[in-house]
């Protein structure tokens, strides 16, 4: 859901910045061919990804509990 959209965004950013193929965003921070702006974009992306994981976990847990109540 959210993570799929972020994955698409990340891959498009990599293509736009001629950095493809990309590894994980935290691995990409160690590339020596990225500039300061790209580095900052990656740092921000990692933060957004972590929050999105929390949201998806929350949704999954809610749906699981809801299903258990209705069974």
PDB file of N, CA and C in Angstrom:
ATOM      1  N   UNK A   1       0.844  -1.173   0.000  1.00  0.00           N
ATOM      2  CA  UNK A   1       0.000   0.000   0.000  1.00  0.00           C
ATOM      3  C   UNK A   1       0.896   1.246   0.000  1.00  0.00           C
ATOM      4  N   UNK A   2       1.162   1.808   1.132  1.00  0.00           N
ATOM      5  CA  UNK A   2       2.003   3.004   1.223  1.00  0.00           C
ATOM      6  C   UNK A   2       3.424   2.683   0.789  1.00  0.00           C
ATOM      7  N   UNK A   3       3.944   1.555   1.244  1.00  0.00           N
ATOM      8  CA  UNK A   3       5.326   1.205   0.926  1.00  0.00           C
ATOM      9  C   UNK A   3       5.506   0.945  -0.570  1.00  0.00           C
ATOM     10  N   UNK A   4       4.477   0.429  -1.227  1.00  0.00           N
ATOM     11  CA  UNK A   4       4.562   0.236  -2.679  1.00  0.00           C
ATOM     12  C   UNK A   4       4.703   1.569  -3.397  1.00  0.00           C
ATOM     13  N   UNK A   5       3.936   2.556  -2.960  1.00  0.00           N
ATOM     14  CA  UNK A   5       4.025   3.902  -3.548  1.00  0.00           C
ATOM     15  C   UNK A   5       5.410   4.499  -3.317  1.00  0.00           C
ATOM     16  N   UNK A   6       5.924   4.325  -2.094  1.00  0.00           N
ATOM     17  CA  UNK A   6       7.249   4.848  -1.783  1.00  0.00           C
ATOM     18  C   UNK A   6       8.328   4.149  -2.604  1.00  0.00           C
ATOM     19  N   UNK A   7       8.170   2.860  -2.832  1.00  0.00           N
ATOM     20  CA  UNK A   7       9.125   2.127  -3.656  1.00  0.00           C
ATOM     21  C   UNK A   7       9.126   2.677  -5.073  1.00  0.00           C
ATOM     22  N   UNK A   8       7.939   2.932  -5.616  1.00  0.00           N
ATOM     23  CA  UNK A   8       7.842   3.527  -6.960  1.00  0.00           C
ATOM     24  C   UNK A   8       8.521   4.899  -6.999  1.00  0.00           C
ATOM     25  N   UNK A   9       8.255   5.705  -5.981  1.00  0.00           N
ATOM     26  CA  UNK A   9       8.859   7.036  -5.895  1.00  0.00           C
ATOM     27  C   UNK A   9      10.379   6.941  -5.833  1.00  0.00           C
ATOM     28  N   UNK A  10      10.872   6.033  -5.013  1.00  0.00           N
ATOM     29  CA  UNK A  10      12.315   5.840  -4.835  1.00  0.00           C
ATOM     30  C   UNK A  10      12.985   5.417  -6.140  1.00  0.00           C
ATOM     31  N   UNK A  11      12.372   4.466  -6.823  1.00  0.00           N
ATOM     32  CA  UNK A  11      12.942   4.010  -8.089  1.00  0.00           C
ATOM     33  C   UNK A  11      12.916   5.104  -9.150  1.00  0.00           C
ATOM     34  N   UNK A  12      11.851   5.892  -9.175  1.00  0.00           N
ATOM     35  CA  UNK A  12      11.776   7.002 -10.126  1.00  0.00           C
ATOM     36  C   UNK A  12      12.843   8.043  -9.801  1.00  0.00           C
ATOM     37  N   UNK A  13      13.038   8.323  -8.529  1.00  0.00           N
ATOM     38  CA  UNK A  13      14.079   9.273  -8.116  1.00  0.00           C
ATOM     39  C   UNK A  13      15.456   8.763  -8.562  1.00  0.00           C
ATOM     40  N   UNK A  14      15.699   7.479  -8.387  1.00  0.00           N
ATOM     41  CA  UNK A  14      16.958   6.893  -8.822  1.00  0.00           C
ATOM     42  C   UNK A  14      17.157   7.047 -10.321  1.00  0.00           C
ATOM     43  N   UNK A  15      16.098   6.787 -11.082  1.00  0.00           N
ATOM     44  CA  UNK A  15      16.176   6.965 -12.538  1.00  0.00           C
ATOM     45  C   UNK A  15      16.435   8.427 -12.892  1.00  0.00           C
ATOM     46  N   UNK A  16      15.686   9.331 -12.273  1.00  0.00           N
ATOM     47  CA  UNK A  16      15.831  10.761 -12.557  1.00  0.00           C
ATOM     48  C   UNK A  16      17.225  11.278 -12.221  1.00  0.00           C
ATOM     49  N   UNK A  17      17.856  10.669 -11.215  1.00  0.00           N
ATOM     50  CA  UNK A  17      19.176  11.108 -10.777  1.00  0.00           C
ATOM     51  C   UNK A  17      20.300  10.239 -11.339  1.00  0.00           C
ATOM     52  N   UNK A  18      19.935   9.351 -12.257  1.00  0.00           N
ATOM     53  CA  UNK A  18      20.909   8.464 -12.910  1.00  0.00           C
ATOM     54  C   UNK A  18      21.727   7.670 -11.885  1.00  0.00           C
ATOM     55  N   UNK A  19      21.015   7.160 -10.874  1.00  0.00           N
ATOM     56  CA  UNK A  19      21.642   6.387  -9.806  1.00  0.00           C
ATOM     57  C   UNK A  19      21.174   4.933  -9.803  1.00  0.00           C
ATOM     58  N   UNK A  20      20.470   4.538 -10.823  1.00  0.00           N
ATOM     59  CA  UNK A  20      19.942   3.175 -10.887  1.00  0.00           C
ATOM     60  C   UNK A  20      21.014   2.223 -11.382  1.00  0.00           C
ATOM     61  N   UNK A  21      20.988   0.984 -10.954  1.00  0.00           N
ATOM     62  CA  UNK A  21      20.040   0.408  -9.997  1.00  0.00           C
ATOM     63  C   UNK A  21      20.396   0.807  -8.573  1.00  0.00           C
ATOM     64  N   UNK A  22      19.375   0.943  -7.761  1.00  0.00           N
ATOM     65  CA  UNK A  22      19.544   1.352  -6.367  1.00  0.00           C
ATOM     66  C   UNK A  22      19.506   0.154  -5.443  1.00  0.00           C
ATOM     67  N   UNK A  23      20.278   0.239  -4.375  1.00  0.00           N
ATOM     68  CA  UNK A  23      20.142  -0.682  -3.260  1.00  0.00           C
ATOM     69  C   UNK A  23      19.164  -0.058  -2.282  1.00  0.00           C
ATOM     70  N   UNK A  24      19.189  -0.493  -1.049  1.00  0.00           N
ATOM     71  CA  UNK A  24      18.330   0.136  -0.047  1.00  0.00           C
ATOM     72  C   UNK A  24      18.813   1.571   0.187  1.00  0.00           C
ATOM     73  N   UNK A  25      17.906   2.418   0.620  1.00  0.00           N
ATOM     74  CA  UNK A  25      18.240   3.838   0.785  1.00  0.00           C
ATOM     75  C   UNK A  25      19.379   4.038   1.772  1.00  0.00           C
ATOM     76  N   UNK A  26      19.406   3.251   2.855  1.00  0.00           N
ATOM     77  CA  UNK A  26      20.492   3.422   3.819  1.00  0.00           C
ATOM     78  C   UNK A  26      21.836   2.998   3.223  1.00  0.00           C
ATOM     79  N   UNK A  27      21.844   2.049   2.312  1.00  0.00           N
ATOM     80  CA  UNK A  27      23.086   1.687   1.622  1.00  0.00           C
ATOM     81  C   UNK A  27      23.535   2.792   0.672  1.00  0.00           C
ATOM     82  N   UNK A  28      22.559   3.423   0.034  1.00  0.00           N
ATOM     83  CA  UNK A  28      22.877   4.461  -0.948  1.00  0.00           C
ATOM     84  C   UNK A  28      23.541   5.681  -0.305  1.00  0.00           C
ATOM     85  N   UNK A  29      23.321   5.874   0.984  1.00  0.00           N
ATOM     86  CA  UNK A  29      23.958   7.006   1.674  1.00  0.00           C
ATOM     87  C   UNK A  29      25.475   6.936   1.607  1.00  0.00           C
ATOM     88  N   UNK A  30      26.020   5.735   1.420  1.00  0.00           N
ATOM     89  CA  UNK A  30      27.464   5.552   1.422  1.00  0.00           C
ATOM     90  C   UNK A  30      28.095   5.639   0.036  1.00  0.00           C
ATOM     91  N   UNK A  31      27.282   5.921  -0.981  1.00  0.00           N
ATOM     92  CA  UNK A  31      27.835   6.088  -2.323  1.00  0.00           C
ATOM     93  C   UNK A  31      28.734   7.320  -2.331  1.00  0.00           C
ATOM     94  N   UNK A  32      29.780   7.248  -3.113  1.00  0.00           N
ATOM     95  CA  UNK A  32      30.654   8.418  -3.211  1.00  0.00           C
ATOM     96  C   UNK A  32      30.349   9.268  -4.435  1.00  0.00           C
ATOM     97  N   UNK A  33      29.277   8.917  -5.145  1.00  0.00           N
ATOM     98  CA  UNK A  33      28.925   9.698  -6.334  1.00  0.00           C
ATOM     99  C   UNK A  33      27.606  10.456  -6.172  1.00  0.00           C
ATOM    100  N   UNK A  34      27.172  10.685  -4.914  1.00  0.00           N
ATOM    101  CA  UNK A  34      25.978  11.491  -4.697  1.00  0.00           C
ATOM    102  C   UNK A  34      26.380  12.838  -4.110  1.00  0.00           C
ATOM    103  N   UNK A  35      25.566  13.842  -4.434  1.00  0.00           N
ATOM    104  CA  UNK A  35      25.854  15.176  -3.913  1.00  0.00           C
ATOM    105  C   UNK A  35      25.072  15.412  -2.615  1.00  0.00           C
ATOM    106  N   UNK A  36      25.260  16.581  -2.047  1.00  0.00           N
ATOM    107  CA  UNK A  36      24.642  16.921  -0.753  1.00  0.00           C
ATOM    108  C   UNK A  36      23.112  16.885  -0.842  1.00  0.00           C
ATOM    109  N   UNK A  37      22.558  17.397  -1.930  1.00  0.00           N
ATOM    110  CA  UNK A  37      21.103  17.413  -2.111  1.00  0.00           C
ATOM    111  C   UNK A  37      20.553  15.984  -2.184  1.00  0.00           C
ATOM    112  N   UNK A  38      21.219  15.117  -2.911  1.00  0.00           N
ATOM    113  CA  UNK A  38      20.794  13.727  -3.021  1.00  0.00           C
ATOM    114  C   UNK A  38      20.916  13.010  -1.672  1.00  0.00           C
ATOM    115  N   UNK A  39      21.989  13.298  -0.966  1.00  0.00           N
ATOM    116  CA  UNK A  39      22.184  12.715   0.367  1.00  0.00           C
ATOM    117  C   UNK A  39      21.030  13.109   1.285  1.00  0.00           C
ATOM    118  N   UNK A  40      20.683  14.380   1.286  1.00  0.00           N
ATOM    119  CA  UNK A  40      19.583  14.858   2.133  1.00  0.00           C
ATOM    120  C   UNK A  40      18.254  14.238   1.714  1.00  0.00           C
ATOM    121  N   UNK A  41      18.047  14.083   0.410  1.00  0.00           N
ATOM    122  CA  UNK A  41      16.812  13.459  -0.071  1.00  0.00           C
ATOM    123  C   UNK A  41      16.721  12.034   0.478  1.00  0.00           C
ATOM    124  N   UNK A  42      17.823  11.311   0.411  1.00  0.00           N
ATOM    125  CA  UNK A  42      17.845   9.933   0.920  1.00  0.00           C
ATOM    126  C   UNK A  42      17.560   9.892   2.418  1.00  0.00           C
ATOM    127  N   UNK A  43      18.175  10.785   3.185  1.00  0.00           N
ATOM    128  CA  UNK A  43      17.931  10.833   4.634  1.00  0.00           C
ATOM    129  C   UNK A  43      16.450  11.071   4.918  1.00  0.00           C
ATOM    130  N   UNK A  44      15.847  12.019   4.204  1.00  0.00           N
ATOM    131  CA  UNK A  44      14.426  12.303   4.392  1.00  0.00           C
ATOM    132  C   UNK A  44      13.570  11.119   3.968  1.00  0.00           C
ATOM    133  N   UNK A  45      13.949  10.493   2.866  1.00  0.00           N
ATOM    134  CA  UNK A  45      13.199   9.333   2.391  1.00  0.00           C
ATOM    135  C   UNK A  45      13.215   8.214   3.439  1.00  0.00           C
ATOM    136  N   UNK A  46      14.356   7.979   4.038  1.00  0.00           N
ATOM    137  CA  UNK A  46      14.469   6.943   5.064  1.00  0.00           C
ATOM    138  C   UNK A  46      13.514   7.243   6.223  1.00  0.00           C
ATOM    139  N   UNK A  47      13.442   8.493   6.644  1.00  0.00           N
ATOM    140  CA  UNK A  47      12.521   8.875   7.723  1.00  0.00           C
ATOM    141  C   UNK A  47      11.073   8.616   7.334  1.00  0.00           C
ATOM    142  N   UNK A  48      10.722   9.018   6.118  1.00  0.00           N
ATOM    143  CA  UNK A  48       9.354   8.804   5.641  1.00  0.00           C
ATOM    144  C   UNK A  48       9.052   7.311   5.575  1.00  0.00           C
ATOM    145  N   UNK A  49      10.008   6.516   5.078  1.00  0.00           N
ATOM    146  CA  UNK A  49       9.820   5.068   4.977  1.00  0.00           C
ATOM    147  C   UNK A  49       9.551   4.466   6.362  1.00  0.00           C
ATOM    148  N   UNK A  50      10.329   4.883   7.347  1.00  0.00           N
ATOM    149  CA  UNK A  50      10.164   4.349   8.700  1.00  0.00           C
ATOM    150  C   UNK A  50       8.787   4.683   9.263  1.00  0.00           C
ATOM    151  N   UNK A  51       8.313   5.899   9.019  1.00  0.00           N
ATOM    152  CA  UNK A  51       6.973   6.274   9.478  1.00  0.00           C
ATOM    153  C   UNK A  51       5.903   5.485   8.729  1.00  0.00           C
ATOM    154  N   UNK A  52       6.114   5.284   7.448  1.00  0.00           N
ATOM    155  CA  UNK A  52       5.147   4.514   6.658  1.00  0.00           C
ATOM    156  C   UNK A  52       5.067   3.079   7.154  1.00  0.00           C
ATOM    157  N   UNK A  53       6.202   2.512   7.548  1.00  0.00           N
ATOM    158  CA  UNK A  53       6.190   1.159   8.114  1.00  0.00           C
ATOM    159  C   UNK A  53       5.345   1.122   9.388  1.00  0.00           C
ATOM    160  N   UNK A  54       5.485   2.133  10.213  1.00  0.00           N
ATOM    161  CA  UNK A  54       4.693   2.205  11.446  1.00  0.00           C
ATOM    162  C   UNK A  54       3.204   2.285  11.133  1.00  0.00           C
ATOM    163  N   UNK A  55       2.853   3.085  10.138  1.00  0.00           N
ATOM    164  CA  UNK A  55       1.445   3.226   9.751  1.00  0.00           C
ATOM    165  C   UNK A  55       0.913   1.898   9.232  1.00  0.00           C
ATOM    166  N   UNK A  56       1.669   1.247   8.362  1.00  0.00           N
ATOM    167  CA  UNK A  56       1.215  -0.038   7.826  1.00  0.00           C
ATOM    168  C   UNK A  56       1.090  -1.084   8.938  1.00  0.00           C
ATOM    169  N   UNK A  57       2.030  -1.091   9.873  1.00  0.00           N
ATOM    170  CA  UNK A  57       1.939  -2.015  11.007  1.00  0.00           C
ATOM    171  C   UNK A  57       0.680  -1.743  11.832  1.00  0.00           C
ATOM    172  N   UNK A  58       0.382  -0.469  12.043  1.00  0.00           N
ATOM    173  CA  UNK A  58      -0.807  -0.082  12.792  1.00  0.00           C
ATOM    174  C   UNK A  58      -2.071  -0.557  12.081  1.00  0.00           C
ATOM    175  N   UNK A  59      -2.125  -0.343  10.772  1.00  0.00           N
ATOM    176  CA  UNK A  59      -3.288  -0.765   9.985  1.00  0.00           C
ATOM    177  C   UNK A  59      -3.433  -2.286  10.028  1.00  0.00           C
ATOM    178  N   UNK A  60      -2.338  -2.996   9.837  1.00  0.00           N
ATOM    179  CA  UNK A  60      -2.372  -4.459   9.873  1.00  0.00           C
ATOM    180  C   UNK A  60      -2.869  -4.968  11.218  1.00  0.00           C
ATOM    181  N   UNK A  61      -2.371  -4.382  12.305  1.00  0.00           N
ATOM    182  CA  UNK A  61      -2.780  -4.805  13.639  1.00  0.00           C
ATOM    183  C   UNK A  61      -4.256  -4.513  13.876  1.00  0.00           C
ATOM    184  N   UNK A  62      -4.700  -3.355  13.436  1.00  0.00           N
ATOM    185  CA  UNK A  62      -6.111  -2.996  13.588  1.00  0.00           C
ATOM    186  C   UNK A  62      -6.995  -3.976  12.835  1.00  0.00           C
ATOM    187  N   UNK A  63      -6.623  -4.280  11.591  1.00  0.00           N
ATOM    188  CA  UNK A  63      -7.419  -5.202  10.788  1.00  0.00           C
ATOM    189  C   UNK A  63      -7.426  -6.609  11.386  1.00  0.00           C
ATOM    190  N   UNK A  64      -6.292  -7.034  11.928  1.00  0.00           N
ATOM    191  CA  UNK A  64      -6.213  -8.345  12.563  1.00  0.00           C
ATOM    192  C   UNK A  64      -7.139  -8.406  13.781  1.00  0.00           C
ATOM    193  N   UNK A  65      -7.089  -7.384  14.628  1.00  0.00           N
ATOM    194  CA  UNK A  65      -7.939  -7.354  15.816  1.00  0.00           C
ATOM    195  C   UNK A  65      -9.408  -7.269  15.438  1.00  0.00           C
ATOM    196  N   UNK A  66      -9.719  -6.508  14.415  1.00  0.00           N
ATOM    197  CA  UNK A  66     -11.091  -6.374  13.955  1.00  0.00           C
ATOM    198  C   UNK A  66     -11.612  -7.716  13.458  1.00  0.00           C
ATOM    199  N   UNK A  67     -10.788  -8.420  12.705  1.00  0.00           N
ATOM    200  CA  UNK A  67     -11.188  -9.722  12.187  1.00  0.00           C
ATOM    201  C   UNK A  67     -11.425 -10.710  13.335  1.00  0.00           C
ATOM    202  N   UNK A  68     -10.538 -10.682  14.331  1.00  0.00           N
ATOM    203  CA  UNK A  68     -10.680 -11.588  15.476  1.00  0.00           C
ATOM    204  C   UNK A  68     -11.967 -11.316  16.251  1.00  0.00           C
ATOM    205  N   UNK A  69     -12.350 -10.051  16.353  1.00  0.00           N
ATOM    206  CA  UNK A  69     -13.593  -9.699  17.046  1.00  0.00           C
ATOM    207  C   UNK A  69     -14.823 -10.163  16.272  1.00  0.00           C
ATOM    208  N   UNK A  70     -14.718 -10.175  14.970  1.00  0.00           N
ATOM    209  CA  UNK A  70     -15.873 -10.528  14.132  1.00  0.00           C
ATOM    210  C   UNK A  70     -15.962 -12.011  13.836  1.00  0.00           C
ATOM    211  N   UNK A  71     -14.957 -12.772  14.183  1.00  0.00           N
ATOM    212  CA  UNK A  71     -14.994 -14.235  13.925  1.00  0.00           C
ATOM    213  C   UNK A  71     -15.717 -14.973  15.028  1.00  0.00           C
TER     214      UNK A  71
END
